[in-house]
Amino acid sequence: MKPALSPSKPSSIHPKCALISVSDKSGILDFAKALQENYDLMLLSTGGTYKHLKEGGLEVIEVSEHTGFPEIMDGRVKTLHPTIHGGILSLRDNEAHEKSMQQHGIRGIDMVITNLYPFIETIKSGKDYATCVENIDIGGPAMIRAAAKNHKFVSVITNPQDYDAVLSDLKKHDGAITYELRQSLAQKAFALTASYDSAITNWFAQQDEKNDYPETILSAGTLKQSLRYGENPHQSAAVYSDGSKRAGVLASTQHQGKELSYNNINDTDAAFELVSEFDAPTVAIIKHANPCGVATHDNIETAYDLALRCDPVSAFGGIIAVNRPVTTALAEKISKVFTEVIIAPSIENGALDALKAKKNLRILTTDSMADPSQPRRLIKSIAGGFLVQDADSGIVTQDMLEIVTKRKPSLQELEDMLFAFKVGKHVKSNAIIYAKDLATVGIGAGQMSRLDSARIAVSKSEFASKEAGIEETLTKGSVVASDAFFPFADGLIAAAEAGVTAVIQPGGSIRDDEVIAAADERDLAMVFTKMRHFRH
């Protein structure tokens, strides 16, 4: 049972004086005009906002005139004054407060309309340290917090998107603002200052190269969308944006289809991050955050065919990610298989027309691909706290490989091994990936035993081979990638029995010598990456 939000529900308040000081001036002139012309509010303002409103034909009193004290220190000090904060914080039903206001000539401020210096935008633009510091707002958060604390009597508006809601409430209640709206606006205000302080805190932490993980770490997000439910219908859910605008599902445009579910968003993110790893045309088909098939080819339609061939059964109801525009020919192929989501940088008009019959198919475009090398942090909730780590941006290149067997891999084997190992980054551990000609031909994911993953991948490949009418199992002549070392030779032997010719793995097991010997006995080429890609 939720506690009472207020011991006694305050009444609606008829505002008489509003203080306006905004960095984001979108919509402020029309909002202020409506307040003054319809409800006769006295308007106080500062600096650029004062000038903007004055030029717009409004009667505005500058804060320095109201306080009798000028703005000083290049505007660093302008609203930090008892006349301002006394007017915001005074309890209107407290006789001592009222007496103090009269004694010091303080007028009540019933509405605070403000948003903050663009600190986040400033640091994203790459400005120098001093400029970033100057864009740390002080007076704004102080006024916001004061008004939010005193929401019993004061309305605080921090988002231009709330202007219409305030005007609607005023109109509906004869010039008064209800307590319910004031309380809701106060919650948004505290959320804003918390996220603002979070951005500043994390930025300062980044300036200390010796302190990757500070004593306190803060994370903030803005509600993007309430979802129908979570992983299961009995779980509630929502999705939040961290403001980074990284190319992907949250920054995408949806062209058709019903609302994305929790699972759709999770799987689509996994799919898009995977194809973003590749420069060449690549298609990935994802189910439950694991790839069913991935392929790279000069022709994007052929890449799709090869990705689908890997596991056509699991692909049913999957997510398709493409790192090239979706062509009409590709759309026609996709339309033949039940698919939940397509995500790509763009889609041809003809392709959209070809998919219109699939009304429930969600089609998303991102305009660009995600940068797999971009540093970022991953947060995972656990009981009592959360785990934080850098995203796995490790990339293995050919010059990093150590050949540990008697036989050296061919150029084609090297290309397939690097392809398979890159796919393995996005497969749940224990991960085993068979690949041939830059296409997966068998994937074993999420098993407790690496040997089981190897066998499951072969089993799936055998079925896919029969479906494709291929006599030999697709793993014949393929390479195999393991996301971590083989603890025993049995996993490698199972892969050898499936027909692989080369192996890529991190190495580092105490039984590496046994595994290398097993590879040599079977004339396999094997390379060590010295980098693993666990994904839990």
Protein backbone atom coordinates (compact mmCIF):
# COMPACT_ATOMS: atom_id res chain seq x y z
CA MET A 1 0.00 0.00 0.00
CA LYS A 2 1.36 3.40 -1.00
CA PRO A 3 1.70 6.03 1.76
CA ALA A 4 -0.46 9.13 1.54
CA LEU A 5 1.11 11.72 -0.74
CA SER A 6 0.04 14.56 1.55
CA PRO A 7 -1.45 14.63 5.07
CA SER A 8 -4.04 17.16 3.91
CA LYS A 9 -4.66 17.86 0.26
CA PRO A 10 -3.95 21.57 -0.44
CA SER A 11 -6.36 23.51 -2.57
CA SER A 12 -5.88 24.89 -6.05
CA ILE A 13 -3.72 28.01 -6.22
CA HIS A 14 -4.41 31.16 -8.26
CA PRO A 15 -0.94 32.33 -9.31
CA LYS A 16 -0.30 36.08 -9.32
CA CYS A 17 3.42 36.33 -10.00
CA ALA A 18 5.67 34.23 -12.26
CA LEU A 19 9.45 34.22 -12.53
CA ILE A 20 10.70 33.24 -16.00
CA SER A 21 14.34 32.44 -16.73
CA VAL A 22 14.92 29.93 -19.54
CA SER A 23 17.79 28.77 -21.71
CA ASP A 24 15.44 26.89 -24.04
CA LYS A 25 13.11 29.65 -25.20
CA SER A 26 10.91 27.50 -27.43
CA GLY A 27 7.26 28.38 -26.82
CA ILE A 28 8.00 30.71 -23.93
CA LEU A 29 6.72 33.91 -25.57
CA ASP A 30 3.29 32.43 -26.35
CA PHE A 31 3.10 30.85 -22.90
CA ALA A 32 4.01 34.07 -21.11
CA LYS A 33 1.52 36.05 -23.24
CA ALA A 34 -1.25 33.64 -22.29
CA LEU A 35 -0.37 33.96 -18.60
CA GLN A 36 -0.33 37.74 -18.67
CA GLU A 37 -3.25 38.43 -21.01
CA ASN A 38 -5.64 35.80 -19.66
CA TYR A 39 -4.70 35.68 -15.98
CA ASP A 40 -3.00 39.05 -15.34
CA LEU A 41 0.21 37.54 -13.95
CA MET A 42 3.07 39.80 -12.96
CA LEU A 43 6.16 38.61 -14.84
CA LEU A 44 9.72 38.71 -13.49
CA SER A 45 12.63 37.75 -15.70
CA THR A 46 16.39 37.77 -16.17
CA GLY A 47 18.96 38.57 -18.85
CA GLY A 48 18.25 37.12 -22.28
CA THR A 49 14.79 35.92 -21.29
CA TYR A 50 13.83 39.41 -20.11
CA LYS A 51 14.96 40.86 -23.43
CA HIS A 52 13.11 38.16 -25.40
CA LEU A 53 9.83 38.77 -23.57
CA LYS A 54 10.19 42.56 -23.67
CA GLU A 55 10.77 42.51 -27.41
CA GLY A 56 7.70 40.29 -27.70
CA GLY A 57 5.57 43.11 -26.30
CA LEU A 58 5.09 41.89 -22.75
CA GLU A 59 5.25 43.88 -19.53
CA VAL A 60 8.18 42.37 -17.68
CA ILE A 61 10.09 43.41 -14.58
CA GLU A 62 13.79 42.57 -14.56
CA VAL A 63 14.87 40.58 -11.53
CA SER A 64 17.60 43.11 -10.66
CA GLU A 65 14.93 45.82 -10.45
CA HIS A 66 12.74 43.56 -8.31
CA THR A 67 15.55 42.73 -5.86
CA GLY A 68 17.23 46.14 -5.94
CA PHE A 69 20.51 44.33 -6.56
CA PRO A 70 22.23 44.10 -9.98
CA GLU A 71 23.38 40.99 -11.77
CA ILE A 72 27.06 40.58 -10.97
CA MET A 73 30.05 38.44 -11.92
CA ASP A 74 29.06 38.04 -15.57
CA GLY A 75 25.62 36.80 -14.61
CA ARG A 76 26.86 34.14 -12.19
CA VAL A 77 24.81 35.84 -9.47
CA LYS A 78 21.37 37.14 -10.40
CA THR A 79 18.53 35.10 -8.80
CA LEU A 80 20.47 34.03 -5.70
CA HIS A 81 18.82 36.63 -3.49
CA PRO A 82 16.51 36.49 -0.42
CA THR A 83 13.83 38.46 -2.25
CA ILE A 84 13.67 35.71 -4.87
CA HIS A 85 14.04 32.65 -2.67
CA GLY A 86 11.93 34.09 0.14
CA GLY A 87 9.17 34.70 -2.41
CA ILE A 88 9.41 31.12 -3.64
CA LEU A 89 9.85 29.27 -0.33
CA SER A 90 7.46 31.11 1.97
CA LEU A 91 4.55 29.09 3.34
CA ARG A 92 1.46 31.13 2.61
CA ASP A 93 -0.45 29.61 5.56
CA ASN A 94 2.31 30.32 8.08
CA GLU A 95 1.83 33.58 10.00
CA ALA A 96 5.52 33.89 10.84
CA HIS A 97 6.45 33.55 7.17
CA GLU A 98 3.85 36.11 6.14
CA LYS A 99 5.11 38.52 8.78
CA SER A 100 8.70 38.03 7.61
CA MET A 101 7.71 38.73 4.00
CA GLN A 102 5.96 41.95 4.99
CA GLN A 103 8.89 43.02 7.16
CA HIS A 104 11.42 42.56 4.35
CA GLY A 105 9.23 43.65 1.46
CA ILE A 106 9.17 40.23 -0.20
CA ARG A 107 6.48 39.45 -2.74
CA GLY A 108 5.30 35.88 -3.20
CA ILE A 109 6.35 34.12 -6.41
CA ASP A 110 3.69 31.56 -7.31
CA MET A 111 5.14 30.15 -10.50
CA VAL A 112 8.73 29.43 -11.53
CA ILE A 113 9.34 28.76 -15.22
CA THR A 114 12.93 27.82 -15.85
CA ASN A 115 15.19 25.33 -17.56
CA LEU A 116 18.90 24.93 -17.22
CA TYR A 117 22.11 25.95 -18.96
CA PRO A 118 22.81 23.42 -21.73
CA PHE A 119 25.61 21.60 -19.91
CA ILE A 120 25.05 18.23 -21.60
CA GLU A 121 24.99 19.81 -25.06
CA THR A 122 28.16 21.74 -24.21
CA ILE A 123 30.20 18.69 -23.23
CA LYS A 124 28.92 16.75 -26.26
CA SER A 125 30.11 19.55 -28.55
CA GLY A 126 33.67 19.06 -27.30
CA LYS A 127 34.06 22.49 -25.72
CA ASP A 128 37.07 23.19 -23.52
CA TYR A 129 37.08 22.59 -19.77
CA ALA A 130 36.47 26.22 -18.77
CA THR A 131 33.47 26.55 -21.12
CA CYS A 132 31.97 23.37 -19.73
CA VAL A 133 32.35 24.65 -16.17
CA GLU A 134 30.69 27.98 -17.07
CA ASN A 135 27.69 26.02 -18.37
CA ILE A 136 27.06 24.48 -14.96
CA ASP A 137 23.87 26.19 -13.84
CA ILE A 138 23.67 27.27 -10.19
CA GLY A 139 20.78 29.68 -9.84
CA GLY A 140 18.47 27.59 -12.00
CA PRO A 141 18.68 24.38 -9.94
CA ALA A 142 18.37 26.41 -6.74
CA MET A 143 15.11 28.01 -7.91
CA ILE A 144 13.78 24.74 -9.30
CA ARG A 145 14.42 22.85 -6.08
CA ALA A 146 12.97 25.66 -3.97
CA ALA A 147 9.79 25.82 -6.05
CA ALA A 148 9.46 22.03 -6.17
CA LYS A 149 9.89 21.78 -2.40
CA ASN A 150 7.16 24.39 -1.91
CA HIS A 151 4.80 22.83 -4.50
CA LYS A 152 2.05 23.17 -1.91
CA PHE A 153 1.89 26.80 -3.05
CA VAL A 154 4.18 27.14 -6.07
CA SER A 155 4.08 25.69 -9.59
CA VAL A 156 7.42 24.86 -11.19
CA ILE A 157 7.58 24.35 -14.97
CA THR A 158 10.87 23.02 -16.33
CA ASN A 159 9.83 21.57 -19.68
CA PRO A 160 8.27 23.53 -22.57
CA GLN A 161 6.17 20.45 -23.30
CA ASP A 162 4.25 21.14 -20.08
CA TYR A 163 3.15 24.65 -21.06
CA ASP A 164 -0.07 23.42 -22.65
CA ALA A 165 -0.95 21.28 -19.63
CA VAL A 166 -0.55 24.29 -17.33
CA LEU A 167 -2.70 26.51 -19.54
CA SER A 168 -5.33 23.79 -19.78
CA ASP A 169 -5.43 23.45 -15.99
CA LEU A 170 -5.69 27.21 -15.54
CA LYS A 171 -8.57 27.41 -18.03
CA LYS A 172 -10.40 24.45 -16.55
CA HIS A 173 -10.17 25.78 -12.98
CA ASP A 174 -10.87 29.50 -13.50
CA GLY A 175 -7.26 30.64 -13.31
CA ALA A 176 -6.13 28.17 -10.65
CA ILE A 177 -3.63 25.32 -10.79
CA THR A 178 -4.56 22.10 -9.03
CA TYR A 179 -2.44 20.42 -6.41
CA GLU A 180 -2.23 17.27 -8.51
CA LEU A 181 -0.55 19.17 -11.35
CA ARG A 182 1.76 21.08 -8.99
CA GLN A 183 2.87 17.82 -7.43
CA SER A 184 3.45 16.20 -10.81
CA LEU A 185 5.49 19.20 -11.98
CA ALA A 186 7.53 19.06 -8.76
CA GLN A 187 8.43 15.42 -9.41
CA LYS A 188 9.58 16.33 -12.93
CA ALA A 189 11.59 19.22 -11.52
CA PHE A 190 13.49 17.08 -9.04
CA ALA A 191 14.09 14.49 -11.77
CA LEU A 192 15.58 17.23 -13.94
CA THR A 193 17.98 18.51 -11.30
CA ALA A 194 18.96 14.94 -10.39
CA SER A 195 19.78 14.04 -14.00
CA TYR A 196 21.57 17.37 -14.47
CA ASP A 197 23.74 16.77 -11.41
CA SER A 198 24.31 13.21 -12.62
CA ALA A 199 25.71 14.49 -15.93
CA ILE A 200 27.99 16.95 -14.12
CA THR A 201 29.18 14.31 -11.63
CA ASN A 202 29.99 11.80 -14.36
CA TRP A 203 31.75 14.46 -16.46
CA PHE A 204 33.99 15.41 -13.54
CA ALA A 205 34.76 11.73 -12.97
CA GLN A 206 35.87 11.44 -16.61
CA GLN A 207 38.39 14.23 -16.09
CA ASP A 208 40.30 12.05 -13.63
CA GLU A 209 42.13 9.50 -15.75
CA LYS A 210 43.28 7.64 -12.62
CA ASN A 211 39.74 7.14 -11.35
CA ASP A 212 37.72 5.08 -13.84
CA TYR A 213 35.12 4.19 -11.24
CA PRO A 214 34.43 7.00 -8.76
CA GLU A 215 33.10 6.48 -5.25
CA THR A 216 29.62 7.49 -6.39
CA ILE A 217 28.23 6.79 -9.84
CA LEU A 218 24.94 8.21 -11.05
CA SER A 219 22.70 7.19 -13.91
CA ALA A 220 19.72 9.08 -15.27
CA GLY A 221 17.21 8.55 -18.04
CA THR A 222 14.15 10.17 -19.54
CA LEU A 223 10.98 8.17 -20.06
CA LYS A 224 10.77 7.29 -23.72
CA GLN A 225 7.72 5.09 -23.57
CA SER A 226 5.60 3.03 -21.20
CA LEU A 227 5.39 -0.50 -22.54
CA ARG A 228 2.44 -2.87 -22.58
CA TYR A 229 4.35 -5.26 -20.32
CA GLY A 230 7.84 -6.60 -19.66
CA GLU A 231 9.37 -9.95 -20.56
CA ASN A 232 6.08 -11.54 -19.49
CA PRO A 233 2.52 -10.16 -19.38
CA HIS A 234 2.43 -10.01 -15.57
CA GLN A 235 5.48 -7.68 -15.49
CA SER A 236 5.13 -3.92 -16.00
CA ALA A 237 7.82 -2.14 -18.02
CA ALA A 238 9.00 1.08 -19.60
CA VAL A 239 11.95 2.20 -21.71
CA TYR A 240 14.13 5.22 -20.88
CA SER A 241 16.57 7.21 -22.96
CA ASP A 242 19.99 8.12 -21.55
CA GLY A 243 20.22 11.11 -23.89
CA SER A 244 23.25 9.80 -25.81
CA LYS A 245 21.26 9.40 -29.06
CA ARG A 246 23.46 6.46 -30.09
CA ALA A 247 22.22 5.05 -33.40
CA GLY A 248 19.91 2.17 -32.62
CA VAL A 249 16.39 1.19 -31.69
CA LEU A 250 15.70 4.13 -29.32
CA ALA A 251 16.86 6.75 -31.83
CA SER A 252 15.09 5.10 -34.77
CA THR A 253 12.04 6.13 -36.79
CA GLN A 254 9.21 3.59 -36.96
CA HIS A 255 7.50 3.51 -40.36
CA GLN A 256 4.84 0.89 -39.73
CA GLY A 257 3.73 -1.83 -37.36
CA LYS A 258 2.38 -1.98 -33.84
CA GLU A 259 4.13 -0.73 -30.73
CA LEU A 260 7.46 -2.35 -29.89
CA SER A 261 7.39 -4.65 -26.87
CA TYR A 262 10.03 -5.02 -24.16
CA ASN A 263 11.39 -8.14 -25.87
CA ASN A 264 11.28 -6.49 -29.30
CA ILE A 265 13.40 -3.59 -28.06
CA ASN A 266 15.90 -5.87 -26.33
CA ASP A 267 16.30 -8.16 -29.36
CA THR A 268 16.39 -5.31 -31.87
CA ASP A 269 19.15 -3.61 -29.91
CA ALA A 270 21.17 -6.85 -29.94
CA ALA A 271 20.64 -7.26 -33.69
CA PHE A 272 21.60 -3.71 -34.60
CA GLU A 273 24.70 -3.71 -32.41
CA LEU A 274 25.81 -6.92 -34.14
CA VAL A 275 25.53 -5.68 -37.74
CA SER A 276 27.16 -2.39 -36.73
CA GLU A 277 30.37 -4.40 -36.18
CA PHE A 278 30.75 -4.93 -39.93
CA ASP A 279 31.78 -2.51 -42.68
CA ALA A 280 30.78 -4.81 -45.56
CA PRO A 281 27.07 -5.47 -46.32
CA THR A 282 25.81 -7.70 -43.50
CA VAL A 283 22.51 -9.20 -42.35
CA ALA A 284 21.80 -10.62 -38.88
CA ILE A 285 18.70 -12.54 -37.84
CA ILE A 286 18.17 -12.51 -34.06
CA LYS A 287 15.94 -14.51 -31.72
CA HIS A 288 15.93 -13.99 -27.95
CA ALA A 289 19.02 -11.75 -28.22
CA ASN A 290 21.06 -14.50 -29.93
CA PRO A 291 21.82 -14.66 -33.66
CA CYS A 292 20.14 -17.42 -35.68
CA GLY A 293 22.30 -16.51 -38.63
CA VAL A 294 24.72 -13.81 -39.80
CA ALA A 295 26.25 -13.32 -43.23
CA THR A 296 28.36 -10.81 -45.12
CA HIS A 297 28.22 -10.55 -48.91
CA ASP A 298 28.62 -7.89 -51.61
CA ASN A 299 24.95 -8.43 -52.45
CA ILE A 300 22.68 -7.70 -49.49
CA GLU A 301 19.95 -10.05 -50.76
CA THR A 302 22.47 -12.91 -50.92
CA ALA A 303 23.64 -12.02 -47.41
CA TYR A 304 20.06 -12.45 -46.21
CA ASP A 305 19.70 -15.83 -47.94
CA LEU A 306 22.90 -17.08 -46.31
CA ALA A 307 21.92 -15.78 -42.86
CA LEU A 308 18.49 -17.42 -43.14
CA ARG A 309 20.02 -20.72 -44.31
CA CYS A 310 21.93 -21.09 -41.03
CA ASP A 311 18.80 -21.71 -38.92
CA PRO A 312 15.54 -21.18 -40.87
CA VAL A 313 13.38 -22.64 -38.08
CA SER A 314 14.59 -20.30 -35.33
CA ALA A 315 14.38 -17.33 -37.71
CA PHE A 316 10.58 -17.58 -37.60
CA GLY A 317 9.34 -14.57 -35.61
CA GLY A 318 12.82 -13.11 -35.41
CA ILE A 319 14.43 -9.68 -35.74
CA ILE A 320 16.33 -8.75 -38.90
CA ALA A 321 19.09 -6.13 -38.81
CA VAL A 322 20.80 -4.84 -41.93
CA ASN A 323 23.70 -2.40 -42.20
CA ARG A 324 22.65 -1.27 -45.68
CA PRO A 325 19.43 0.22 -47.07
CA VAL A 326 16.61 -2.32 -47.35
CA THR A 327 16.02 -2.84 -51.07
CA THR A 328 12.76 -3.87 -52.70
CA ALA A 329 14.27 -7.25 -53.58
CA LEU A 330 15.33 -7.81 -49.97
CA ALA A 331 11.90 -6.74 -48.70
CA GLU A 332 10.21 -9.27 -50.97
CA LYS A 333 12.41 -12.03 -49.57
CA ILE A 334 11.77 -11.00 -45.97
CA SER A 335 8.01 -10.86 -46.53
CA LYS A 336 7.98 -14.62 -47.12
CA VAL A 337 9.06 -15.34 -43.52
CA PHE A 338 7.20 -14.20 -40.39
CA THR A 339 9.36 -11.43 -38.95
CA GLU A 340 8.75 -9.17 -35.94
CA VAL A 341 11.10 -6.24 -36.68
CA ILE A 342 13.35 -4.96 -39.45
CA ILE A 343 15.97 -2.36 -38.51
CA ALA A 344 18.29 -0.72 -41.04
CA PRO A 345 19.87 2.68 -41.73
CA SER A 346 17.23 3.34 -44.42
CA ILE A 347 14.60 1.68 -46.59
CA GLU A 348 13.67 2.24 -50.22
CA ASN A 349 10.14 3.46 -50.98
CA GLY A 350 9.51 0.38 -53.06
CA ALA A 351 10.59 -1.77 -50.15
CA LEU A 352 8.06 -0.10 -47.87
CA ASP A 353 5.33 -0.78 -50.41
CA ALA A 354 6.39 -4.42 -50.63
CA LEU A 355 6.02 -4.82 -46.87
CA LYS A 356 2.72 -2.95 -46.37
CA ALA A 357 0.75 -6.19 -46.45
CA LYS A 358 2.61 -7.23 -43.28
CA LYS A 359 0.77 -4.72 -41.10
CA ASN A 360 2.19 -5.99 -37.81
CA LEU A 361 5.78 -5.94 -39.06
CA ARG A 362 7.68 -3.11 -37.37
CA ILE A 363 10.01 -1.28 -39.76
CA LEU A 364 12.67 0.94 -38.16
CA THR A 365 15.31 3.17 -39.75
CA THR A 366 18.24 4.78 -37.96
CA ASP A 367 19.92 7.02 -40.61
CA SER A 368 23.33 5.75 -39.46
CA MET A 369 25.07 2.81 -37.82
CA ALA A 370 26.33 2.54 -34.25
CA ASP A 371 30.07 2.94 -33.66
CA PRO A 372 31.26 -0.34 -32.08
CA SER A 373 34.48 1.29 -30.87
CA GLN A 374 32.72 4.11 -29.01
CA PRO A 375 33.48 3.90 -25.26
CA ARG A 376 30.37 3.44 -23.15
CA ARG A 377 29.32 1.83 -19.91
CA LEU A 378 26.94 -1.07 -19.37
CA ILE A 379 24.89 -1.33 -16.18
CA LYS A 380 23.26 -4.52 -14.92
CA SER A 381 20.94 -4.58 -11.94
CA ILE A 382 21.56 -7.12 -9.19
CA ALA A 383 20.04 -7.56 -5.73
CA GLY A 384 21.13 -4.59 -3.64
CA GLY A 385 22.91 -2.71 -6.40
CA PHE A 386 24.25 -2.97 -9.90
CA LEU A 387 27.29 -4.04 -11.88
CA VAL A 388 29.08 -1.55 -14.13
CA GLN A 389 31.55 -2.35 -16.89
CA ASP A 390 32.89 -0.95 -20.13
CA ALA A 391 31.08 -2.21 -23.22
CA ASP A 392 33.00 -4.90 -25.11
CA SER A 393 34.54 -2.75 -27.83
CA GLY A 394 37.48 -5.11 -28.34
CA ILE A 395 38.26 -5.86 -31.97
CA VAL A 396 40.60 -8.65 -33.03
CA THR A 397 42.59 -8.02 -36.20
CA GLN A 398 44.71 -10.39 -38.26
CA ASP A 399 48.01 -9.01 -36.99
CA MET A 400 46.95 -9.84 -33.41
CA LEU A 401 46.54 -13.55 -34.11
CA GLU A 402 49.06 -16.12 -32.85
CA ILE A 403 49.29 -19.26 -34.97
CA VAL A 404 49.83 -22.14 -32.53
CA THR A 405 49.55 -25.20 -34.79
CA LYS A 406 51.86 -26.76 -37.34
CA ARG A 407 49.53 -25.89 -40.19
CA LYS A 408 49.01 -22.22 -40.96
CA PRO A 409 45.53 -21.07 -41.92
CA SER A 410 44.75 -20.03 -45.49
CA LEU A 411 43.67 -16.49 -46.30
CA GLN A 412 40.05 -17.63 -46.64
CA GLU A 413 40.22 -19.42 -43.31
CA LEU A 414 41.61 -16.29 -41.67
CA GLU A 415 38.79 -14.16 -43.06
CA ASP A 416 36.16 -16.66 -41.93
CA MET A 417 37.74 -17.00 -38.48
CA LEU A 418 37.78 -13.25 -37.89
CA PHE A 419 34.18 -13.06 -39.11
CA ALA A 420 33.09 -15.89 -36.80
CA PHE A 421 34.95 -14.47 -33.80
CA LYS A 422 33.30 -11.08 -34.34
CA VAL A 423 29.87 -12.73 -34.43
CA GLY A 424 30.80 -14.58 -31.24
CA LYS A 425 30.96 -11.25 -29.40
CA HIS A 426 27.18 -11.13 -29.74
CA VAL A 427 26.34 -14.75 -28.85
CA LYS A 428 25.53 -15.69 -25.26
CA SER A 429 28.25 -17.78 -23.58
CA ASN A 430 29.26 -20.49 -23.95
CA ALA A 431 29.39 -19.55 -27.63
CA ILE A 432 30.51 -21.70 -30.54
CA ILE A 433 30.20 -20.35 -34.09
CA TYR A 434 30.81 -22.30 -37.29
CA ALA A 435 31.31 -20.16 -40.40
CA LYS A 436 32.16 -20.59 -44.06
CA ASP A 437 32.51 -17.97 -46.80
CA LEU A 438 31.64 -15.16 -44.34
CA ALA A 439 28.37 -16.76 -43.29
CA THR A 440 27.46 -18.64 -40.14
CA VAL A 441 26.60 -22.29 -40.75
CA GLY A 442 26.03 -23.30 -37.13
CA ILE A 443 25.63 -21.43 -33.83
CA GLY A 444 25.63 -22.90 -30.33
CA ALA A 445 24.66 -20.40 -27.64
CA GLY A 446 24.12 -20.11 -23.91
CA GLN A 447 25.05 -23.62 -22.83
CA MET A 448 26.66 -24.55 -19.53
CA SER A 449 29.20 -26.69 -21.40
CA ARG A 450 31.30 -25.58 -24.38
CA LEU A 451 31.10 -29.14 -25.69
CA ASP A 452 27.28 -28.96 -25.63
CA SER A 453 27.40 -25.68 -27.59
CA ALA A 454 29.63 -27.31 -30.20
CA ARG A 455 27.30 -30.29 -30.57
CA ILE A 456 24.10 -28.22 -30.64
CA ALA A 457 25.54 -26.00 -33.37
CA VAL A 458 26.36 -29.09 -35.46
CA SER A 459 22.89 -30.53 -34.89
CA LYS A 460 21.28 -27.29 -36.06
CA SER A 461 23.62 -27.22 -39.05
CA GLU A 462 22.65 -30.77 -40.03
CA PHE A 463 18.98 -29.81 -40.01
CA ALA A 464 19.66 -26.62 -41.98
CA SER A 465 21.62 -28.62 -44.55
CA LYS A 466 18.68 -30.97 -45.11
CA GLU A 467 16.28 -28.01 -45.39
CA ALA A 468 18.55 -26.48 -48.02
CA GLY A 469 18.85 -29.77 -49.92
CA ILE A 470 22.61 -29.98 -49.31
CA GLU A 471 23.99 -33.50 -48.98
CA GLU A 472 27.00 -32.59 -46.83
CA THR A 473 26.49 -30.84 -43.52
CA LEU A 474 27.21 -27.12 -43.87
CA THR A 475 29.94 -27.36 -41.23
CA LYS A 476 32.04 -29.47 -43.61
CA GLY A 477 35.02 -27.30 -44.58
CA SER A 478 34.03 -24.50 -42.18
CA VAL A 479 35.99 -22.77 -39.42
CA VAL A 480 34.93 -22.62 -35.78
CA ALA A 481 35.18 -19.77 -33.27
CA SER A 482 34.95 -20.09 -29.51
CA ASP A 483 34.28 -17.01 -27.39
CA ALA A 484 36.58 -18.35 -24.64
CA PHE A 485 39.30 -21.01 -24.43
CA PHE A 486 38.59 -24.71 -24.78
CA PRO A 487 39.06 -26.07 -21.23
CA PHE A 488 39.46 -29.56 -22.68
CA ALA A 489 40.18 -30.95 -26.12
CA ASP A 490 36.70 -32.52 -26.39
CA GLY A 491 35.04 -29.39 -27.77
CA LEU A 492 37.67 -29.02 -30.45
CA ILE A 493 37.44 -32.73 -31.31
CA ALA A 494 33.65 -32.41 -31.73
CA ALA A 495 34.23 -29.51 -34.12
CA ALA A 496 36.85 -31.52 -36.03
CA GLU A 497 34.38 -34.39 -36.39
CA ALA A 498 31.91 -31.90 -37.85
CA GLY A 499 34.42 -31.14 -40.62
CA VAL A 500 36.06 -27.86 -39.57
CA THR A 501 39.49 -27.03 -40.96
CA ALA A 502 40.52 -24.15 -38.69
CA VAL A 503 39.88 -22.90 -35.17
CA ILE A 504 39.99 -19.45 -33.58
CA GLN A 505 39.89 -19.12 -29.80
CA PRO A 506 41.38 -16.87 -27.09
CA GLY A 507 43.70 -19.49 -25.61
CA GLY A 508 44.86 -19.32 -22.01
CA SER A 509 43.73 -22.70 -20.69
CA ILE A 510 46.06 -24.78 -18.52
CA ARG A 511 45.38 -27.51 -21.10
CA ASP A 512 46.26 -25.43 -24.16
CA ASP A 513 49.01 -27.91 -25.02
CA GLU A 514 46.49 -30.77 -25.12
CA VAL A 515 44.13 -28.75 -27.32
CA ILE A 516 46.95 -27.74 -29.69
CA ALA A 517 48.11 -31.36 -29.91
CA ALA A 518 44.56 -32.47 -30.76
CA ALA A 519 44.43 -29.86 -33.52
CA ASP A 520 47.78 -30.95 -34.92
CA GLU A 521 46.69 -34.61 -34.91
CA ARG A 522 43.73 -33.63 -37.12
CA ASP A 523 45.72 -31.27 -39.36
CA LEU A 524 43.70 -28.25 -38.20
CA ALA A 525 45.01 -24.71 -38.25
CA MET A 526 44.44 -22.89 -34.98
CA VAL A 527 45.04 -19.32 -33.86
CA PHE A 528 44.86 -17.66 -30.45
CA THR A 529 43.37 -14.17 -30.08
CA LYS A 530 44.33 -13.61 -26.42
CA MET A 531 41.01 -11.78 -26.09
CA ARG A 532 37.79 -13.43 -25.00
CA HIS A 533 34.21 -12.32 -25.62
CA PHE A 534 32.03 -13.65 -22.79
CA ARG A 535 28.45 -12.38 -23.05
CA HIS A 536 26.10 -13.30 -20.22
